[in-house]
N, C-alpha and C. Protein backbone atom coordinates (compact mmCIF):
# COMPACT_ATOMS: atom_id res chain seq x y z
N MET A 1 -61.28 -9.48 83.49
CA MET A 1 -61.29 -8.38 82.77
C MET A 1 -62.06 -7.30 83.03
N PRO A 2 -63.99 -7.89 82.91
CA PRO A 2 -64.19 -6.88 83.06
C PRO A 2 -64.60 -5.64 84.06
N GLU A 3 -64.02 -6.32 85.18
CA GLU A 3 -64.05 -5.66 86.60
C GLU A 3 -62.82 -4.42 85.98
N LEU A 4 -62.06 -5.04 85.61
CA LEU A 4 -60.47 -3.73 85.09
C LEU A 4 -61.26 -2.88 84.11
N TYR A 5 -61.82 -3.61 83.34
CA TYR A 5 -62.57 -2.01 82.16
C TYR A 5 -63.69 -1.23 83.60
N GLU A 6 -63.85 -2.08 83.50
CA GLU A 6 -65.33 -1.33 84.57
C GLU A 6 -64.52 -0.27 85.55
N ARG A 7 -63.83 -0.38 86.21
CA ARG A 7 -62.70 0.67 87.05
C ARG A 7 -62.38 2.09 86.06
N ILE A 8 -61.96 1.79 85.17
CA ILE A 8 -60.95 2.60 83.80
C ILE A 8 -62.30 3.64 83.62
N ALA A 9 -63.00 2.67 83.29
CA ALA A 9 -64.57 3.31 82.89
C ALA A 9 -65.27 4.18 83.30
N GLU A 10 -65.32 4.21 85.06
CA GLU A 10 -65.79 4.62 86.22
C GLU A 10 -65.20 6.04 86.47
N ARG A 11 -63.66 5.82 86.77
CA ARG A 11 -62.90 6.67 86.34
C ARG A 11 -62.89 8.05 85.45
N PHE A 12 -63.39 7.67 84.32
CA PHE A 12 -63.44 8.39 83.28
C PHE A 12 -64.20 8.94 82.78
N GLY A 13 -65.59 8.34 83.26
CA GLY A 13 -66.49 9.29 83.12
C GLY A 13 -66.23 10.15 84.54
N GLU A 14 -66.23 9.88 86.05
CA GLU A 14 -65.83 10.93 86.89
C GLU A 14 -65.27 12.12 86.42
N LEU A 15 -63.79 11.61 85.55
CA LEU A 15 -62.93 12.62 85.08
C LEU A 15 -64.00 13.86 84.33
N ILE A 16 -64.82 13.39 83.10
CA ILE A 16 -65.98 13.98 82.41
C ILE A 16 -66.89 14.82 83.25
N ARG A 17 -67.72 14.28 83.93
CA ARG A 17 -68.45 14.80 85.15
C ARG A 17 -67.93 16.25 85.96
N GLU A 18 -66.60 15.92 86.26
CA GLU A 18 -66.15 17.01 87.05
C GLU A 18 -65.39 18.12 86.62
N CYS A 19 -64.86 17.56 84.91
CA CYS A 19 -64.28 18.46 84.82
C CYS A 19 -64.86 20.08 84.63
N PRO A 20 -63.84 21.11 84.41
CA PRO A 20 -64.60 22.42 85.27
C PRO A 20 -64.80 22.90 83.36
N PRO A 21 -66.18 23.34 84.42
CA PRO A 21 -66.86 23.87 82.52
C PRO A 21 -66.37 24.65 81.82
N GLY A 22 -65.21 25.89 82.07
CA GLY A 22 -64.47 26.81 81.42
C GLY A 22 -63.10 25.56 80.81
N ARG A 23 -63.05 24.36 80.79
CA ARG A 23 -61.58 24.25 80.76
C ARG A 23 -62.19 22.95 79.60
N TRP A 24 -63.04 22.84 79.04
CA TRP A 24 -63.12 21.78 77.75
C TRP A 24 -61.92 21.91 76.55
N GLU A 25 -61.68 23.55 76.29
CA GLU A 25 -61.25 23.99 75.35
C GLU A 25 -59.65 23.96 75.46
N ASP A 26 -59.11 23.04 76.78
CA ASP A 26 -57.80 23.41 77.37
C ASP A 26 -56.82 22.57 76.19
N PRO A 27 -55.94 23.12 75.87
CA PRO A 27 -55.12 21.65 75.53
C PRO A 27 -54.56 21.01 76.18
N SER A 28 -54.56 20.03 75.96
CA SER A 28 -54.67 18.65 76.32
C SER A 28 -53.06 17.94 76.06
N PRO A 29 -52.23 16.84 76.86
CA PRO A 29 -50.99 16.42 76.24
C PRO A 29 -50.70 15.97 75.19
N CYS A 30 -51.58 15.63 74.56
CA CYS A 30 -51.83 15.31 73.11
C CYS A 30 -52.01 16.15 72.01
N PRO A 31 -51.24 16.62 70.82
CA PRO A 31 -50.19 18.16 70.19
C PRO A 31 -51.67 17.66 69.20
N GLY A 32 -52.28 19.19 69.14
CA GLY A 32 -53.42 19.80 69.26
C GLY A 32 -54.69 19.20 69.39
N TRP A 33 -54.86 18.51 70.44
CA TRP A 33 -55.82 18.15 70.78
C TRP A 33 -56.50 18.93 72.47
N THR A 34 -57.42 19.01 72.46
CA THR A 34 -58.11 20.30 73.41
C THR A 34 -58.84 18.98 74.52
N ALA A 35 -59.39 19.56 75.63
CA ALA A 35 -59.60 18.17 76.45
C ALA A 35 -60.87 17.56 75.98
N ARG A 36 -61.76 18.17 75.00
CA ARG A 36 -62.41 17.64 74.83
C ARG A 36 -62.24 17.00 73.21
N ASP A 37 -61.38 17.18 72.71
CA ASP A 37 -60.39 16.38 71.62
C ASP A 37 -60.37 15.15 72.24
N VAL A 38 -59.81 15.26 73.65
CA VAL A 38 -59.25 13.67 74.07
C VAL A 38 -60.44 13.08 74.16
N VAL A 39 -61.82 13.10 75.17
CA VAL A 39 -62.75 12.21 75.34
C VAL A 39 -63.58 11.44 74.25
N ALA A 40 -63.45 13.05 73.16
CA ALA A 40 -64.25 12.69 72.13
C ALA A 40 -63.80 11.27 71.35
N HIS A 41 -61.95 11.06 71.04
CA HIS A 41 -61.65 10.05 70.83
C HIS A 41 -61.76 8.77 71.35
N VAL A 42 -62.15 9.08 72.42
CA VAL A 42 -62.38 7.72 73.60
C VAL A 42 -63.79 7.55 73.20
N ILE A 43 -64.32 8.04 73.02
CA ILE A 43 -65.39 7.95 72.90
C ILE A 43 -66.22 6.92 71.60
N SER A 44 -65.34 7.99 70.60
CA SER A 44 -65.44 7.03 69.07
C SER A 44 -65.00 5.99 69.10
N ASN A 45 -63.76 5.63 70.16
CA ASN A 45 -63.30 4.23 69.74
C ASN A 45 -64.00 2.99 70.28
N HIS A 46 -64.95 3.65 71.65
CA HIS A 46 -65.50 2.62 71.95
C HIS A 46 -66.86 2.80 70.97
N ARG A 47 -67.18 3.28 70.23
CA ARG A 47 -68.24 2.96 69.32
C ARG A 47 -68.06 2.53 68.24
N ARG A 48 -66.62 2.80 68.17
CA ARG A 48 -65.69 1.44 66.69
C ARG A 48 -66.08 0.32 67.43
N ALA A 49 -65.55 0.36 68.74
CA ALA A 49 -65.85 -1.33 68.89
C ALA A 49 -66.80 -1.85 68.93
N VAL A 50 -67.51 -1.30 69.41
CA VAL A 50 -69.34 -1.97 69.38
C VAL A 50 -69.81 -2.20 68.34
N ALA A 51 -69.36 -1.41 66.75
CA ALA A 51 -69.64 -1.19 65.73
C ALA A 51 -69.00 -2.73 64.65
N GLY A 52 -67.73 -2.58 65.23
CA GLY A 52 -67.17 -4.21 65.11
C GLY A 52 -67.75 -5.04 65.13
N LEU A 53 -68.83 -5.14 66.26
CA LEU A 53 -69.23 -6.41 66.86
C LEU A 53 -70.25 -6.98 65.59
N ASP A 54 -70.58 -6.14 64.61
CA ASP A 54 -71.28 -6.04 63.62
C ASP A 54 -72.03 -5.94 62.56
N GLY A 55 -70.97 -4.75 62.62
CA GLY A 55 -70.74 -4.11 61.09
C GLY A 55 -71.45 -2.77 60.90
N SER A 56 -71.61 -2.68 62.00
CA SER A 56 -72.49 -1.31 61.81
C SER A 56 -71.68 -0.08 61.81
N GLY A 57 -72.65 1.14 61.43
CA GLY A 57 -71.72 2.14 61.46
C GLY A 57 -71.49 2.57 62.48
N TYR A 58 -70.72 3.99 63.00
CA TYR A 58 -70.13 4.58 63.86
C TYR A 58 -69.90 6.14 64.04
N SER A 59 -69.87 7.03 64.89
CA SER A 59 -69.25 8.19 64.37
C SER A 59 -68.79 8.67 65.49
N ALA A 60 -68.06 10.02 65.93
CA ALA A 60 -67.80 10.57 66.78
C ALA A 60 -68.88 11.36 66.94
N PRO A 61 -68.46 11.74 68.74
CA PRO A 61 -69.14 12.86 69.24
C PRO A 61 -69.51 13.92 68.62
N GLY A 62 -70.41 14.71 68.00
CA GLY A 62 -70.83 15.79 67.52
C GLY A 62 -69.98 16.60 68.67
N ARG A 63 -70.56 18.11 68.14
CA ARG A 63 -69.71 19.12 68.77
C ARG A 63 -70.74 19.41 69.67
N GLY A 64 -72.24 19.53 69.38
CA GLY A 64 -72.85 19.60 70.95
C GLY A 64 -73.15 18.95 71.37
N GLU A 65 -72.71 17.44 70.75
CA GLU A 65 -73.33 15.83 71.80
C GLU A 65 -73.03 16.12 73.27
N ASP A 66 -73.37 15.94 74.61
CA ASP A 66 -73.71 16.08 75.65
C ASP A 66 -72.26 14.94 76.01
N LEU A 67 -71.79 14.96 76.14
CA LEU A 67 -69.95 14.11 76.34
C LEU A 67 -70.25 12.81 77.23
N SER A 68 -70.73 13.73 78.54
CA SER A 68 -71.00 12.95 79.46
C SER A 68 -72.39 12.05 79.53
N ARG A 69 -73.24 12.00 78.69
CA ARG A 69 -73.91 11.17 78.06
C ARG A 69 -73.41 10.53 77.04
N ALA A 70 -72.58 11.11 76.19
CA ALA A 70 -72.50 10.05 75.40
C ALA A 70 -71.39 8.96 75.61
N TRP A 71 -70.54 9.11 76.93
CA TRP A 71 -70.30 8.24 77.35
C TRP A 71 -70.37 7.31 77.99
N ASP A 72 -71.39 7.57 78.87
CA ASP A 72 -72.06 7.25 79.72
C ASP A 72 -72.48 5.91 78.83
N ALA A 73 -72.99 5.85 77.42
CA ALA A 73 -74.03 5.11 76.94
C ALA A 73 -73.03 4.17 76.04
N ALA A 74 -71.84 4.68 75.86
CA ALA A 74 -70.27 4.13 74.97
C ALA A 74 -70.18 3.03 76.09
N SER A 75 -69.45 3.51 76.63
CA SER A 75 -69.32 2.45 78.08
C SER A 75 -69.85 1.33 78.80
N GLU A 76 -71.47 1.65 78.67
CA GLU A 76 -71.91 0.70 78.41
C GLU A 76 -72.89 0.01 77.60
N GLU A 77 -72.69 0.09 76.61
CA GLU A 77 -72.84 -0.76 75.62
C GLU A 77 -71.45 -2.13 75.44
N ILE A 78 -70.12 -1.72 76.14
CA ILE A 78 -69.06 -2.27 76.19
C ILE A 78 -69.30 -3.08 77.39
N LYS A 79 -69.82 -3.06 77.93
CA LYS A 79 -70.07 -3.20 79.73
C LYS A 79 -71.24 -4.58 79.17
N ALA A 80 -71.96 -4.48 78.47
CA ALA A 80 -72.75 -4.84 78.13
C ALA A 80 -72.63 -6.39 76.98
N ALA A 81 -71.60 -5.88 76.24
CA ALA A 81 -71.28 -7.10 75.54
C ALA A 81 -70.00 -7.49 75.96
N LEU A 82 -69.79 -7.38 76.71
CA LEU A 82 -68.63 -8.13 77.82
C LEU A 82 -68.77 -8.88 78.54
N ARG A 83 -70.24 -8.75 79.02
CA ARG A 83 -71.28 -9.75 79.81
C ARG A 83 -71.68 -10.77 79.41
N ASP A 84 -72.13 -11.06 77.70
CA ASP A 84 -72.04 -11.80 77.06
C ASP A 84 -70.97 -12.79 76.45
N PRO A 85 -71.02 -13.94 77.05
CA PRO A 85 -69.66 -14.79 76.90
C PRO A 85 -69.80 -14.83 75.32
N VAL A 86 -70.91 -14.88 74.56
CA VAL A 86 -70.50 -15.04 72.96
C VAL A 86 -70.28 -13.78 72.77
N THR A 87 -70.86 -12.85 72.95
CA THR A 87 -70.24 -11.45 71.70
C THR A 87 -68.76 -10.82 72.72
N ALA A 88 -68.73 -11.61 73.67
CA ALA A 88 -67.23 -10.66 74.41
C ALA A 88 -65.83 -11.90 73.81
N GLY A 89 -66.27 -13.17 73.03
CA GLY A 89 -65.30 -13.98 72.70
C GLY A 89 -65.23 -13.71 71.17
N ALA A 90 -66.61 -13.22 70.31
CA ALA A 90 -66.49 -12.28 69.00
C ALA A 90 -65.24 -11.77 68.62
N LEU A 91 -65.43 -12.62 67.17
CA LEU A 91 -63.68 -12.26 66.87
C LEU A 91 -63.98 -10.46 66.28
N LEU A 92 -63.51 -9.58 65.86
CA LEU A 92 -63.91 -8.36 65.64
C LEU A 92 -62.26 -8.74 64.71
N GLY A 93 -62.84 -7.62 62.82
CA GLY A 93 -61.78 -8.25 61.80
C GLY A 93 -60.76 -7.78 61.91
N GLU A 94 -60.17 -7.39 61.12
CA GLU A 94 -58.55 -7.26 60.76
C GLU A 94 -58.34 -5.94 60.92
N GLU A 95 -59.35 -5.24 60.76
CA GLU A 95 -59.10 -3.40 60.99
C GLU A 95 -58.75 -3.22 63.09
N PHE A 96 -59.49 -4.68 63.73
CA PHE A 96 -59.26 -4.62 65.30
C PHE A 96 -57.88 -5.29 65.15
N GLY A 97 -57.64 -5.78 64.36
CA GLY A 97 -55.89 -6.52 64.84
C GLY A 97 -57.06 -8.37 64.67
N SER A 98 -57.95 -8.86 64.10
CA SER A 98 -58.75 -9.60 64.37
C SER A 98 -58.54 -10.71 66.07
N LEU A 99 -58.98 -9.75 66.72
CA LEU A 99 -58.66 -10.15 68.37
C LEU A 99 -60.75 -10.01 68.19
N PRO A 100 -60.18 -11.15 69.79
CA PRO A 100 -61.28 -11.20 70.08
C PRO A 100 -62.34 -9.68 70.63
N PHE A 101 -63.45 -9.58 70.86
CA PHE A 101 -64.11 -8.68 71.41
C PHE A 101 -63.25 -8.22 72.71
N GLU A 102 -63.04 -9.06 73.87
CA GLU A 102 -62.77 -9.05 74.84
C GLU A 102 -61.26 -8.44 75.07
N GLU A 103 -60.40 -9.31 73.88
CA GLU A 103 -58.98 -8.51 74.33
C GLU A 103 -59.04 -7.38 73.83
N PHE A 104 -59.35 -7.21 72.55
CA PHE A 104 -59.28 -5.69 72.10
C PHE A 104 -60.43 -4.96 72.94
N VAL A 105 -60.86 -4.78 74.05
CA VAL A 105 -61.33 -4.08 74.55
C VAL A 105 -60.41 -3.65 75.99
N ARG A 106 -59.67 -5.65 76.19
CA ARG A 106 -58.60 -5.08 77.60
C ARG A 106 -57.37 -4.40 76.90
N ARG A 107 -57.45 -4.19 75.44
CA ARG A 107 -56.29 -3.51 75.12
C ARG A 107 -56.65 -1.95 75.22
N MET A 108 -57.80 -1.47 74.71
CA MET A 108 -58.20 -0.44 74.47
C MET A 108 -58.37 0.02 75.99
N ALA A 109 -58.85 -0.59 76.70
CA ALA A 109 -59.23 -0.06 78.42
C ALA A 109 -57.52 0.47 78.90
N CYS A 110 -56.77 -0.06 78.26
CA CYS A 110 -55.30 0.15 79.33
C CYS A 110 -54.45 1.11 78.08
N ALA A 111 -54.66 1.27 76.76
CA ALA A 111 -53.73 2.18 75.63
C ALA A 111 -54.61 3.06 75.12
N ASP A 112 -55.90 3.08 75.64
CA ASP A 112 -56.50 4.34 74.82
C ASP A 112 -57.00 5.26 76.64
N THR A 113 -58.37 4.48 76.88
CA THR A 113 -59.40 5.32 78.06
C THR A 113 -58.27 5.59 79.30
N LEU A 114 -57.46 4.02 79.63
CA LEU A 114 -56.56 4.67 80.24
C LEU A 114 -55.82 5.83 80.27
N ILE A 115 -54.80 5.34 79.40
CA ILE A 115 -53.69 6.92 78.75
C ILE A 115 -54.90 8.10 78.91
N HIS A 116 -55.66 8.07 78.01
CA HIS A 116 -56.36 9.47 77.89
C HIS A 116 -57.39 9.80 79.08
N GLY A 117 -57.47 9.11 79.98
CA GLY A 117 -58.36 9.98 81.22
C GLY A 117 -57.01 10.64 82.26
N TRP A 118 -55.61 10.00 82.24
CA TRP A 118 -54.31 10.95 82.54
C TRP A 118 -54.06 12.33 81.31
N ASP A 119 -54.48 12.34 80.39
CA ASP A 119 -54.53 13.20 79.40
C ASP A 119 -56.15 14.58 79.61
N LEU A 120 -56.91 13.90 80.03
CA LEU A 120 -57.75 14.65 80.40
C LEU A 120 -57.85 15.27 81.48
N ALA A 121 -57.33 14.86 82.88
CA ALA A 121 -56.80 15.36 84.04
C ALA A 121 -55.56 16.08 83.52
N ARG A 122 -55.06 15.82 83.29
CA ARG A 122 -53.61 16.60 83.20
C ARG A 122 -54.27 18.33 82.49
N ALA A 123 -54.85 18.08 81.14
CA ALA A 123 -55.87 19.09 80.40
C ALA A 123 -57.13 20.28 81.67
N THR A 124 -57.20 19.39 82.38
CA THR A 124 -58.52 20.26 83.31
C THR A 124 -57.73 20.14 84.34
N GLY A 125 -56.78 19.43 85.18
CA GLY A 125 -56.33 20.44 86.51
C GLY A 125 -57.17 18.92 87.76
N GLN A 126 -57.67 17.96 87.17
CA GLN A 126 -57.72 17.04 87.71
C GLN A 126 -56.55 15.87 88.30
N ASP A 127 -57.48 15.24 88.86
CA ASP A 127 -56.51 14.59 89.81
C ASP A 127 -55.71 13.12 88.96
N GLU A 128 -54.67 13.32 88.89
CA GLU A 128 -53.57 12.04 87.39
C GLU A 128 -53.48 11.21 87.83
N ALA A 129 -54.08 11.00 88.76
CA ALA A 129 -53.42 9.10 89.46
C ALA A 129 -54.25 7.92 88.87
N LEU A 130 -53.33 7.35 88.29
CA LEU A 130 -54.11 6.14 87.68
C LEU A 130 -54.52 4.75 88.18
N ASP A 131 -54.77 3.82 87.75
CA ASP A 131 -55.37 2.40 88.57
C ASP A 131 -54.44 1.55 88.62
N SER A 132 -53.71 1.03 89.72
CA SER A 132 -52.20 0.95 89.90
C SER A 132 -52.38 -0.28 88.89
N GLU A 133 -53.40 -1.57 89.19
CA GLU A 133 -53.36 -2.58 88.13
C GLU A 133 -53.49 -2.40 86.50
N ALA A 134 -54.42 -1.51 86.09
CA ALA A 134 -54.52 -0.76 84.41
C ALA A 134 -53.21 -0.75 84.80
N VAL A 135 -52.67 0.40 85.15
CA VAL A 135 -51.30 0.55 85.08
C VAL A 135 -49.89 -0.53 84.80
N ALA A 136 -50.33 -1.66 85.05
CA ALA A 136 -49.67 -2.85 85.01
C ALA A 136 -49.64 -3.42 84.04
N VAL A 137 -50.82 -3.53 83.83
CA VAL A 137 -51.37 -4.61 82.46
C VAL A 137 -51.30 -3.44 81.44
N ALA A 138 -50.77 -2.45 81.13
CA ALA A 138 -50.92 -1.54 79.55
C ALA A 138 -49.59 -1.87 80.08
N VAL A 139 -48.29 -1.91 80.88
CA VAL A 139 -47.14 -1.74 80.55
C VAL A 139 -46.87 -3.33 79.86
N ASP A 140 -47.18 -4.67 80.62
CA ASP A 140 -47.73 -6.04 79.79
C ASP A 140 -47.94 -6.02 78.76
N ILE A 141 -49.15 -5.19 77.94
CA ILE A 141 -49.32 -5.12 76.53
C ILE A 141 -48.41 -3.54 75.76
N LEU A 142 -48.53 -2.77 76.16
CA LEU A 142 -47.60 -1.88 75.23
C LEU A 142 -45.83 -1.65 75.22
N LEU A 143 -45.64 -2.46 76.43
CA LEU A 143 -43.63 -2.31 76.34
C LEU A 143 -43.89 -3.43 75.07
N PRO A 144 -44.04 -4.45 74.86
CA PRO A 144 -43.47 -5.81 73.82
C PRO A 144 -43.62 -4.73 72.17
N GLU A 145 -44.58 -4.01 72.19
CA GLU A 145 -45.34 -3.48 71.15
C GLU A 145 -44.61 -1.90 70.77
N ASP A 146 -43.59 -1.91 71.02
CA ASP A 146 -42.51 -0.03 71.10
C ASP A 146 -42.13 0.67 69.78
N GLY A 147 -42.13 -0.74 69.13
CA GLY A 147 -41.56 -0.36 67.20
C GLY A 147 -42.92 -0.22 66.80
N ASP A 148 -43.79 -0.91 67.21
CA ASP A 148 -45.40 -0.62 66.24
C ASP A 148 -45.74 0.80 66.72
N ILE A 149 -46.19 1.36 68.02
CA ILE A 149 -46.50 2.02 68.49
C ILE A 149 -46.42 3.74 67.95
N ARG A 150 -44.73 3.80 67.91
CA ARG A 150 -43.60 4.72 67.45
C ARG A 150 -44.54 5.16 65.76
N MET A 151 -45.32 5.96 65.46
CA MET A 151 -46.14 7.06 64.77
C MET A 151 -46.69 7.72 64.88
N PRO A 152 -47.04 8.65 63.69
CA PRO A 152 -47.65 9.54 64.23
C PRO A 152 -48.74 9.13 63.95
N GLN A 153 -49.75 10.13 65.15
CA GLN A 153 -50.81 9.88 65.77
C GLN A 153 -51.16 9.08 67.01
N ALA A 154 -49.70 8.26 67.22
CA ALA A 154 -49.99 7.65 67.88
C ALA A 154 -49.39 8.38 69.33
N PHE A 155 -48.32 7.30 69.54
CA PHE A 155 -47.81 7.68 70.71
C PHE A 155 -45.80 8.14 70.41
N GLY A 156 -45.48 9.36 71.13
CA GLY A 156 -45.15 10.11 70.75
C GLY A 156 -43.33 9.20 71.03
N ALA A 157 -42.09 10.35 71.14
CA ALA A 157 -41.17 9.81 71.52
C ALA A 157 -40.86 9.44 73.11
N LYS A 158 -40.38 8.34 73.45
CA LYS A 158 -40.13 8.36 74.65
C LYS A 158 -39.35 9.17 75.09
N VAL A 159 -40.05 9.44 76.37
CA VAL A 159 -38.87 10.50 77.77
C VAL A 159 -38.46 9.90 78.72
N SER A 160 -37.59 10.48 78.69
CA SER A 160 -36.68 8.90 80.22
C SER A 160 -36.84 9.64 81.56
N SER A 161 -37.37 8.56 81.80
CA SER A 161 -37.90 8.71 83.48
C SER A 161 -36.52 9.00 84.23
N ALA A 162 -37.23 10.21 85.40
CA ALA A 162 -36.12 10.03 86.54
C ALA A 162 -36.07 8.68 87.32
N GLU A 163 -34.22 8.76 88.09
CA GLU A 163 -34.18 7.42 88.46
C GLU A 163 -35.00 6.99 89.81
N GLY A 164 -35.99 6.05 90.19
CA GLY A 164 -36.69 5.73 90.76
C GLY A 164 -38.54 6.44 90.88
N ALA A 165 -38.83 6.60 89.19
CA ALA A 165 -39.71 6.93 89.10
C ALA A 165 -40.54 5.50 89.10
N ASP A 166 -41.72 6.22 89.60
CA ASP A 166 -43.15 4.84 89.80
C ASP A 166 -43.67 4.62 88.95
N ALA A 167 -44.50 3.68 88.50
CA ALA A 167 -44.47 2.65 87.46
C ALA A 167 -45.71 3.43 86.63
N GLN A 168 -46.44 4.55 87.18
CA GLN A 168 -47.44 5.29 86.44
C GLN A 168 -46.54 6.55 85.41
N THR A 169 -45.33 6.81 86.41
CA THR A 169 -44.31 7.54 85.54
C THR A 169 -43.45 7.14 84.29
N ARG A 170 -43.41 6.00 84.93
CA ARG A 170 -42.77 5.06 83.56
C ARG A 170 -43.01 4.98 82.54
N LEU A 171 -44.93 4.74 82.67
CA LEU A 171 -46.00 4.40 81.65
C LEU A 171 -45.84 5.52 81.12
N LEU A 172 -45.91 6.31 81.33
CA LEU A 172 -46.86 8.23 80.84
C LEU A 172 -45.36 8.40 79.84
N ASN A 173 -44.30 8.27 80.70
CA ASN A 173 -42.63 8.58 79.66
C ASN A 173 -42.36 7.85 78.69
N PHE A 174 -42.71 6.34 78.61
CA PHE A 174 -43.00 5.18 77.90
C PHE A 174 -43.72 6.15 76.58
N LEU A 175 -44.54 6.62 76.71
CA LEU A 175 -45.53 6.78 75.99
C LEU A 175 -45.80 8.06 75.15
N GLY A 176 -44.13 8.91 76.35
CA GLY A 176 -44.10 10.00 75.52
C GLY A 176 -44.63 11.65 75.76
N ARG A 177 -45.07 11.03 77.02
CA ARG A 177 -46.01 11.89 78.24
C ARG A 177 -44.97 12.42 79.36
N ARG A 178 -44.19 14.07 79.56
CA ARG A 178 -43.74 14.71 80.13
C ARG A 178 -45.03 14.54 81.40
N VAL A 179 -44.16 14.23 82.35
CA VAL A 179 -45.22 14.41 84.06
C VAL A 179 -44.64 15.63 84.78
């Protein structure tokens, strides 16, 4: 699992570093969010997960904060926590579904970093290909939760996939993204 997270995190970091400077305020596939908003959301969720380990506070990246540096720091904290077996197995509170940290990260990596990586790529004109193993894990996690994820500020209504669509397209359509 740490290897999967590391691949997804590295790809997200590449998308941040390679974002054309003039594209940060471009709209993303997430209604009302810019490319910058997508990145700030993912960083904030990473900070929130780490804070859940010790009850400390966290904040979303500020408007002037360097998103690449903020991402590197947030993802490194997750990686460090995953390398420590005690921390990786620590139970997070009810806010996190009372899951062990490593399971929450597995879900976050799939449902947040992975999907929002596609959102960022789409918003900024970058390569939209997703890690195929991560797509398969996301499908396993998200499809059974269909009814629970259809709420405001989460995932939109499903979009029909064309016959013969690949796994990435089917997952994105399931999550309300038009590909």
